[in-house]
Amino acid sequence: MMVRVLAFAGARDVLGAPELLLPLTTPCTAEALLEQICGLFPALVPWRQSIRVAINGSYARPSDEICSGDEVALIPPVAGG
């Protein structure tokens, strides 16, 4: 199963790219995906609790299932002025 992961702000800096294709085992939840990404990119771990996950443009609950071909966005807290 492949999903497209979009990374914004600081998450993009940690991943080193604005997006990546990530193979996942099925079934996968938003929480499991975030755990897997933190395993691949340990610098993301300090942000783990504050990153929001969106699936196909909608904010996801940790238990929401991710399906093959979904677009998943990692949205860290952003401050601006």
PDB file of N, CA and C in Angstrom:
ATOM      1  N   MET A   1       0.853  -1.170   0.000  1.00  0.00           N
ATOM      2  CA  MET A   1       0.000   0.000   0.000  1.00  0.00           C
ATOM      3  C   MET A   1       0.900   1.234   0.000  1.00  0.00           C
ATOM      4  N   MET A   2       0.627   2.151  -0.874  1.00  0.00           N
ATOM      5  CA  MET A   2       1.405   3.399  -0.946  1.00  0.00           C
ATOM      6  C   MET A   2       0.490   4.583  -0.647  1.00  0.00           C
ATOM      7  N   VAL A   3       1.011   5.524   0.117  1.00  0.00           N
ATOM      8  CA  VAL A   3       0.315   6.779   0.356  1.00  0.00           C
ATOM      9  C   VAL A   3       1.280   7.929   0.062  1.00  0.00           C
ATOM     10  N   ARG A   4       0.711   9.032  -0.321  1.00  0.00           N
ATOM     11  CA  ARG A   4       1.494  10.251  -0.569  1.00  0.00           C
ATOM     12  C   ARG A   4       1.432  11.089   0.699  1.00  0.00           C
ATOM     13  N   VAL A   5       2.589  11.405   1.244  1.00  0.00           N
ATOM     14  CA  VAL A   5       2.673  12.190   2.474  1.00  0.00           C
ATOM     15  C   VAL A   5       3.157  13.587   2.131  1.00  0.00           C
ATOM     16  N   LEU A   6       2.360  14.573   2.491  1.00  0.00           N
ATOM     17  CA  LEU A   6       2.736  15.978   2.322  1.00  0.00           C
ATOM     18  C   LEU A   6       3.203  16.500   3.669  1.00  0.00           C
ATOM     19  N   ALA A   7       4.299  17.221   3.679  1.00  0.00           N
ATOM     20  CA  ALA A   7       4.848  17.752   4.928  1.00  0.00           C
ATOM     21  C   ALA A   7       4.902  19.276   4.834  1.00  0.00           C
ATOM     22  N   PHE A   8       4.454  19.930   5.880  1.00  0.00           N
ATOM     23  CA  PHE A   8       4.414  21.385   5.909  1.00  0.00           C
ATOM     24  C   PHE A   8       5.303  21.935   7.012  1.00  0.00           C
ATOM     25  N   ALA A   9       5.750  23.168   6.822  1.00  0.00           N
ATOM     26  CA  ALA A   9       6.533  23.924   7.809  1.00  0.00           C
ATOM     27  C   ALA A   9       7.710  23.101   8.334  1.00  0.00           C
ATOM     28  N   GLY A  10       7.850  22.982   9.646  1.00  0.00           N
ATOM     29  CA  GLY A  10       8.979  22.286  10.241  1.00  0.00           C
ATOM     30  C   GLY A  10       9.043  20.810   9.877  1.00  0.00           C
ATOM     31  N   ALA A  11       7.892  20.186   9.652  1.00  0.00           N
ATOM     32  CA  ALA A  11       7.885  18.775   9.241  1.00  0.00           C
ATOM     33  C   ALA A  11       8.555  18.619   7.879  1.00  0.00           C
ATOM     34  N   ARG A  12       8.328  19.564   7.001  1.00  0.00           N
ATOM     35  CA  ARG A  12       8.972  19.536   5.677  1.00  0.00           C
ATOM     36  C   ARG A  12      10.487  19.647   5.834  1.00  0.00           C
ATOM     37  N   ASP A  13      10.926  20.497   6.746  1.00  0.00           N
ATOM     38  CA  ASP A  13      12.367  20.642   6.980  1.00  0.00           C
ATOM     39  C   ASP A  13      12.983  19.336   7.481  1.00  0.00           C
ATOM     40  N   VAL A  14      12.291  18.648   8.379  1.00  0.00           N
ATOM     41  CA  VAL A  14      12.801  17.386   8.923  1.00  0.00           C
ATOM     42  C   VAL A  14      12.839  16.302   7.854  1.00  0.00           C
ATOM     43  N   LEU A  15      11.795  16.198   7.045  1.00  0.00           N
ATOM     44  CA  LEU A  15      11.741  15.178   6.001  1.00  0.00           C
ATOM     45  C   LEU A  15      12.678  15.499   4.845  1.00  0.00           C
ATOM     46  N   GLY A  16      13.031  16.779   4.698  1.00  0.00           N
ATOM     47  CA  GLY A  16      13.933  17.181   3.629  1.00  0.00           C
ATOM     48  C   GLY A  16      13.267  17.307   2.280  1.00  0.00           C
ATOM     49  N   ALA A  17      11.932  17.251   2.263  1.00  0.00           N
ATOM     50  CA  ALA A  17      11.177  17.364   1.017  1.00  0.00           C
ATOM     51  C   ALA A  17       9.730  17.709   1.363  1.00  0.00           C
ATOM     52  N   PRO A  18       9.028  18.354   0.440  1.00  0.00           N
ATOM     53  CA  PRO A  18       7.633  18.691   0.708  1.00  0.00           C
ATOM     54  C   PRO A  18       6.695  17.496   0.628  1.00  0.00           C
ATOM     55  N   GLU A  19       7.140  16.409  -0.016  1.00  0.00           N
ATOM     56  CA  GLU A  19       6.290  15.220  -0.077  1.00  0.00           C
ATOM     57  C   GLU A  19       7.140  13.979  -0.307  1.00  0.00           C
ATOM     58  N   LEU A  20       6.555  12.838   0.044  1.00  0.00           N
ATOM     59  CA  LEU A  20       7.215  11.564  -0.199  1.00  0.00           C
ATOM     60  C   LEU A  20       6.159  10.486  -0.366  1.00  0.00           C
ATOM     61  N   LEU A  21       6.526   9.418  -1.048  1.00  0.00           N
ATOM     62  CA  LEU A  21       5.673   8.240  -1.154  1.00  0.00           C
ATOM     63  C   LEU A  21       6.118   7.271  -0.080  1.00  0.00           C
ATOM     64  N   LEU A  22       5.154   6.774   0.677  1.00  0.00           N
ATOM     65  CA  LEU A  22       5.486   5.921   1.810  1.00  0.00           C
ATOM     66  C   LEU A  22       4.725   4.599   1.702  1.00  0.00           C
ATOM     67  N   PRO A  23       5.442   3.490   1.702  1.00  0.00           N
ATOM     68  CA  PRO A  23       4.751   2.197   1.719  1.00  0.00           C
ATOM     69  C   PRO A  23       4.294   1.887   3.144  1.00  0.00           C
ATOM     70  N   LEU A  24       3.066   1.416   3.272  1.00  0.00           N
ATOM     71  CA  LEU A  24       2.505   1.074   4.581  1.00  0.00           C
ATOM     72  C   LEU A  24       1.926  -0.328   4.545  1.00  0.00           C
ATOM     73  N   THR A  25       1.867  -0.932   5.712  1.00  0.00           N
ATOM     74  CA  THR A  25       1.170  -2.201   5.815  1.00  0.00           C
ATOM     75  C   THR A  25      -0.306  -1.908   6.063  1.00  0.00           C
ATOM     76  N   THR A  26      -1.151  -2.782   5.652  1.00  0.00           N
ATOM     77  CA  THR A  26      -2.587  -2.569   5.852  1.00  0.00           C
ATOM     78  C   THR A  26      -3.069  -3.392   7.028  1.00  0.00           C
ATOM     79  N   PRO A  27      -4.052  -2.983   7.780  1.00  0.00           N
ATOM     80  CA  PRO A  27      -4.605  -1.634   7.781  1.00  0.00           C
ATOM     81  C   PRO A  27      -3.683  -0.686   8.550  1.00  0.00           C
ATOM     82  N   CYS A  28      -3.865   0.574   8.307  1.00  0.00           N
ATOM     83  CA  CYS A  28      -3.034   1.582   8.957  1.00  0.00           C
ATOM     84  C   CYS A  28      -3.929   2.729   9.416  1.00  0.00           C
ATOM     85  N   THR A  29      -3.673   3.213  10.616  1.00  0.00           N
ATOM     86  CA  THR A  29      -4.411   4.363  11.130  1.00  0.00           C
ATOM     87  C   THR A  29      -3.527   5.608  11.054  1.00  0.00           C
ATOM     88  N   ALA A  30      -4.132   6.760  11.260  1.00  0.00           N
ATOM     89  CA  ALA A  30      -3.365   8.008  11.269  1.00  0.00           C
ATOM     90  C   ALA A  30      -2.289   7.966  12.351  1.00  0.00           C
ATOM     91  N   GLU A  31      -2.631   7.403  13.509  1.00  0.00           N
ATOM     92  CA  GLU A  31      -1.655   7.304  14.595  1.00  0.00           C
ATOM     93  C   GLU A  31      -0.496   6.377  14.221  1.00  0.00           C
ATOM     94  N   ALA A  32      -0.797   5.250  13.592  1.00  0.00           N
ATOM     95  CA  ALA A  32       0.238   4.299  13.193  1.00  0.00           C
ATOM     96  C   ALA A  32       1.147   4.894  12.122  1.00  0.00           C
ATOM     97  N   LEU A  33       0.568   5.653  11.205  1.00  0.00           N
ATOM     98  CA  LEU A  33       1.373   6.300  10.166  1.00  0.00           C
ATOM     99  C   LEU A  33       2.336   7.301  10.789  1.00  0.00           C
ATOM    100  N   LEU A  34       1.834   8.106  11.715  1.00  0.00           N
ATOM    101  CA  LEU A  34       2.699   9.098  12.362  1.00  0.00           C
ATOM    102  C   LEU A  34       3.813   8.404  13.142  1.00  0.00           C
ATOM    103  N   GLU A  35       3.498   7.301  13.775  1.00  0.00           N
ATOM    104  CA  GLU A  35       4.510   6.528  14.501  1.00  0.00           C
ATOM    105  C   GLU A  35       5.581   6.007  13.539  1.00  0.00           C
ATOM    106  N   GLN A  36       5.153   5.503  12.401  1.00  0.00           N
ATOM    107  CA  GLN A  36       6.102   4.986  11.414  1.00  0.00           C
ATOM    108  C   GLN A  36       6.997   6.102  10.877  1.00  0.00           C
ATOM    109  N   ILE A  37       6.422   7.250  10.584  1.00  0.00           N
ATOM    110  CA  ILE A  37       7.206   8.374  10.069  1.00  0.00           C
ATOM    111  C   ILE A  37       8.207   8.859  11.116  1.00  0.00           C
ATOM    112  N   CYS A  38       7.798   8.885  12.380  1.00  0.00           N
ATOM    113  CA  CYS A  38       8.730   9.277  13.448  1.00  0.00           C
ATOM    114  C   CYS A  38       9.866   8.263  13.579  1.00  0.00           C
ATOM    115  N   GLY A  39       9.588   7.008  13.282  1.00  0.00           N
ATOM    116  CA  GLY A  39      10.646   5.998  13.291  1.00  0.00           C
ATOM    117  C   GLY A  39      11.643   6.214  12.170  1.00  0.00           C
ATOM    118  N   LEU A  40      11.137   6.648  11.015  1.00  0.00           N
ATOM    119  CA  LEU A  40      12.011   6.907   9.869  1.00  0.00           C
ATOM    120  C   LEU A  40      12.768   8.225  10.002  1.00  0.00           C
ATOM    121  N   PHE A  41      12.148   9.193  10.670  1.00  0.00           N
ATOM    122  CA  PHE A  41      12.721  10.531  10.825  1.00  0.00           C
ATOM    123  C   PHE A  41      12.693  10.905  12.316  1.00  0.00           C
ATOM    124  N   PRO A  42      13.660  10.403  13.101  1.00  0.00           N
ATOM    125  CA  PRO A  42      13.656  10.623  14.558  1.00  0.00           C
ATOM    126  C   PRO A  42      13.630  12.097  14.979  1.00  0.00           C
ATOM    127  N   ALA A  43      14.092  12.994  14.140  1.00  0.00           N
ATOM    128  CA  ALA A  43      14.056  14.418  14.497  1.00  0.00           C
ATOM    129  C   ALA A  43      12.621  14.936  14.607  1.00  0.00           C
ATOM    130  N   LEU A  44      11.664  14.168  14.111  1.00  0.00           N
ATOM    131  CA  LEU A  44      10.258  14.550  14.184  1.00  0.00           C
ATOM    132  C   LEU A  44       9.628  14.180  15.536  1.00  0.00           C
ATOM    133  N   VAL A  45      10.272  13.308  16.289  1.00  0.00           N
ATOM    134  CA  VAL A  45       9.717  12.806  17.548  1.00  0.00           C
ATOM    135  C   VAL A  45       9.349  13.921  18.530  1.00  0.00           C
ATOM    136  N   PRO A  46      10.170  14.961  18.736  1.00  0.00           N
ATOM    137  CA  PRO A  46       9.776  16.009  19.682  1.00  0.00           C
ATOM    138  C   PRO A  46       8.475  16.720  19.299  1.00  0.00           C
ATOM    139  N   TRP A  47       8.095  16.674  18.037  1.00  0.00           N
ATOM    140  CA  TRP A  47       6.877  17.341  17.568  1.00  0.00           C
ATOM    141  C   TRP A  47       5.688  16.395  17.529  1.00  0.00           C
ATOM    142  N   ARG A  48       5.922  15.135  17.838  1.00  0.00           N
ATOM    143  CA  ARG A  48       4.921  14.084  17.643  1.00  0.00           C
ATOM    144  C   ARG A  48       3.551  14.425  18.225  1.00  0.00           C
ATOM    145  N   GLN A  49       3.521  14.928  19.428  1.00  0.00           N
ATOM    146  CA  GLN A  49       2.248  15.202  20.099  1.00  0.00           C
ATOM    147  C   GLN A  49       1.503  16.411  19.540  1.00  0.00           C
ATOM    148  N   SER A  50       2.195  17.278  18.817  1.00  0.00           N
ATOM    149  CA  SER A  50       1.532  18.492  18.324  1.00  0.00           C
ATOM    150  C   SER A  50       1.255  18.475  16.821  1.00  0.00           C
ATOM    151  N   ILE A  51       1.740  17.467  16.120  1.00  0.00           N
ATOM    152  CA  ILE A  51       1.482  17.384  14.677  1.00  0.00           C
ATOM    153  C   ILE A  51       0.067  16.893  14.436  1.00  0.00           C
ATOM    154  N   ARG A  52      -0.650  17.610  13.570  1.00  0.00           N
ATOM    155  CA  ARG A  52      -1.984  17.162  13.144  1.00  0.00           C
ATOM    156  C   ARG A  52      -1.822  16.385  11.853  1.00  0.00           C
ATOM    157  N   VAL A  53      -2.623  15.362  11.683  1.00  0.00           N
ATOM    158  CA  VAL A  53      -2.633  14.558  10.467  1.00  0.00           C
ATOM    159  C   VAL A  53      -3.943  14.829   9.745  1.00  0.00           C
ATOM    160  N   ALA A  54      -3.845  15.040   8.448  1.00  0.00           N
ATOM    161  CA  ALA A  54      -5.043  15.187   7.616  1.00  0.00           C
ATOM    162  C   ALA A  54      -5.011  14.091   6.556  1.00  0.00           C
ATOM    163  N   ILE A  55      -6.173  13.521   6.280  1.00  0.00           N
ATOM    164  CA  ILE A  55      -6.300  12.497   5.252  1.00  0.00           C
ATOM    165  C   ILE A  55      -7.222  13.047   4.172  1.00  0.00           C
ATOM    166  N   ASN A  56      -6.686  13.138   2.968  1.00  0.00           N
ATOM    167  CA  ASN A  56      -7.452  13.646   1.823  1.00  0.00           C
ATOM    168  C   ASN A  56      -8.116  14.989   2.114  1.00  0.00           C
ATOM    169  N   GLY A  57      -7.374  15.863   2.787  1.00  0.00           N
ATOM    170  CA  GLY A  57      -7.836  17.229   3.007  1.00  0.00           C
ATOM    171  C   GLY A  57      -8.664  17.459   4.255  1.00  0.00           C
ATOM    172  N   SER A  58      -8.917  16.421   5.055  1.00  0.00           N
ATOM    173  CA  SER A  58      -9.704  16.577   6.286  1.00  0.00           C
ATOM    174  C   SER A  58      -8.877  16.128   7.477  1.00  0.00           C
ATOM    175  N   TYR A  59      -8.938  16.911   8.560  1.00  0.00           N
ATOM    176  CA  TYR A  59      -8.220  16.516   9.767  1.00  0.00           C
ATOM    177  C   TYR A  59      -8.690  15.134  10.213  1.00  0.00           C
ATOM    178  N   ALA A  60      -7.737  14.312  10.636  1.00  0.00           N
ATOM    179  CA  ALA A  60      -8.031  12.935  11.009  1.00  0.00           C
ATOM    180  C   ALA A  60      -7.945  12.742  12.519  1.00  0.00           C
ATOM    181  N   ARG A  61      -8.755  11.814  13.017  1.00  0.00           N
ATOM    182  CA  ARG A  61      -8.612  11.345  14.396  1.00  0.00           C
ATOM    183  C   ARG A  61      -7.521  10.283  14.385  1.00  0.00           C
ATOM    184  N   PRO A  62      -6.868  10.025  15.505  1.00  0.00           N
ATOM    185  CA  PRO A  62      -5.802   9.007  15.535  1.00  0.00           C
ATOM    186  C   PRO A  62      -6.260   7.644  15.020  1.00  0.00           C
ATOM    187  N   SER A  63      -7.524   7.307  15.214  1.00  0.00           N
ATOM    188  CA  SER A  63      -8.030   5.990  14.819  1.00  0.00           C
ATOM    189  C   SER A  63      -8.530   5.924  13.377  1.00  0.00           C
ATOM    190  N   ASP A  64      -8.531   7.044  12.659  1.00  0.00           N
ATOM    191  CA  ASP A  64      -9.016   7.044  11.275  1.00  0.00           C
ATOM    192  C   ASP A  64      -8.105   6.197  10.393  1.00  0.00           C
ATOM    193  N   GLU A  65      -8.713   5.385   9.555  1.00  0.00           N
ATOM    194  CA  GLU A  65      -7.964   4.469   8.695  1.00  0.00           C
ATOM    195  C   GLU A  65      -7.448   5.179   7.445  1.00  0.00           C
ATOM    196  N   ILE A  66      -6.251   4.797   7.050  1.00  0.00           N
ATOM    197  CA  ILE A  66      -5.638   5.302   5.828  1.00  0.00           C
ATOM    198  C   ILE A  66      -5.674   4.182   4.800  1.00  0.00           C
ATOM    199  N   CYS A  67      -6.105   4.518   3.589  1.00  0.00           N
ATOM    200  CA  CYS A  67      -6.226   3.528   2.515  1.00  0.00           C
ATOM    201  C   CYS A  67      -5.189   3.795   1.432  1.00  0.00           C
ATOM    202  N   SER A  68      -4.911   2.783   0.661  1.00  0.00           N
ATOM    203  CA  SER A  68      -3.964   2.914  -0.447  1.00  0.00           C
ATOM    204  C   SER A  68      -4.384   4.055  -1.361  1.00  0.00           C
ATOM    205  N   GLY A  69      -3.431   4.901  -1.733  1.00  0.00           N
ATOM    206  CA  GLY A  69      -3.690   6.018  -2.617  1.00  0.00           C
ATOM    207  C   GLY A  69      -4.112   7.299  -1.913  1.00  0.00           C
ATOM    208  N   ASP A  70      -4.331   7.235  -0.593  1.00  0.00           N
ATOM    209  CA  ASP A  70      -4.716   8.444   0.140  1.00  0.00           C
ATOM    210  C   ASP A  70      -3.580   9.454   0.150  1.00  0.00           C
ATOM    211  N   GLU A  71      -3.959  10.710   0.311  1.00  0.00           N
ATOM    212  CA  GLU A  71      -2.994  11.792   0.504  1.00  0.00           C
ATOM    213  C   GLU A  71      -3.047  12.171   1.978  1.00  0.00           C
ATOM    214  N   VAL A  72      -1.914  12.066   2.638  1.00  0.00           N
ATOM    215  CA  VAL A  72      -1.831  12.333   4.071  1.00  0.00           C
ATOM    216  C   VAL A  72      -0.937  13.548   4.279  1.00  0.00           C
ATOM    217  N   ALA A  73      -1.426  14.508   5.051  1.00  0.00           N
ATOM    218  CA  ALA A  73      -0.645  15.713   5.322  1.00  0.00           C
ATOM    219  C   ALA A  73      -0.218  15.742   6.785  1.00  0.00           C
ATOM    220  N   LEU A  74       1.030  16.128   7.017  1.00  0.00           N
ATOM    221  CA  LEU A  74       1.564  16.337   8.361  1.00  0.00           C
ATOM    222  C   LEU A  74       1.604  17.840   8.599  1.00  0.00           C
ATOM    223  N   ILE A  75       0.844  18.283   9.591  1.00  0.00           N
ATOM    224  CA  ILE A  75       0.702  19.721   9.811  1.00  0.00           C
ATOM    225  C   ILE A  75       1.160  20.051  11.238  1.00  0.00           C
ATOM    226  N   PRO A  76       2.390  20.549  11.366  1.00  0.00           N
ATOM    227  CA  PRO A  76       2.875  20.932  12.698  1.00  0.00           C
ATOM    228  C   PRO A  76       2.292  22.291  13.088  1.00  0.00           C
ATOM    229  N   PRO A  77       2.376  22.648  14.377  1.00  0.00           N
ATOM    230  CA  PRO A  77       1.918  23.975  14.766  1.00  0.00           C
ATOM    231  C   PRO A  77       2.752  25.046  14.061  1.00  0.00           C
ATOM    232  N   VAL A  78       2.095  26.098  13.662  1.00  0.00           N
ATOM    233  CA  VAL A  78       2.771  27.167  12.941  1.00  0.00           C
ATOM    234  C   VAL A  78       2.459  28.488  13.633  1.00  0.00           C
ATOM    235  N   ALA A  79       3.481  29.293  13.833  1.00  0.00           N
ATOM    236  CA  ALA A  79       3.291  30.628  14.393  1.00  0.00           C
ATOM    237  C   ALA A  79       3.649  31.644  13.308  1.00  0.00           C
ATOM    238  N   GLY A  80       2.996  32.722  13.338  1.00  0.00           N
ATOM    239  CA  GLY A  80       3.293  33.740  12.336  1.00  0.00           C
ATOM    240  C   GLY A  80       2.913  35.115  12.851  1.00  0.00           C
ATOM    241  N   GLY A  81       3.218  36.062  12.057  1.00  0.00           N
ATOM    242  CA  GLY A  81       2.877  37.405  12.512  1.00  0.00           C
ATOM    243  C   GLY A  81       2.797  38.349  11.366  1.00  0.00           C
TER     244      GLY A  81
END
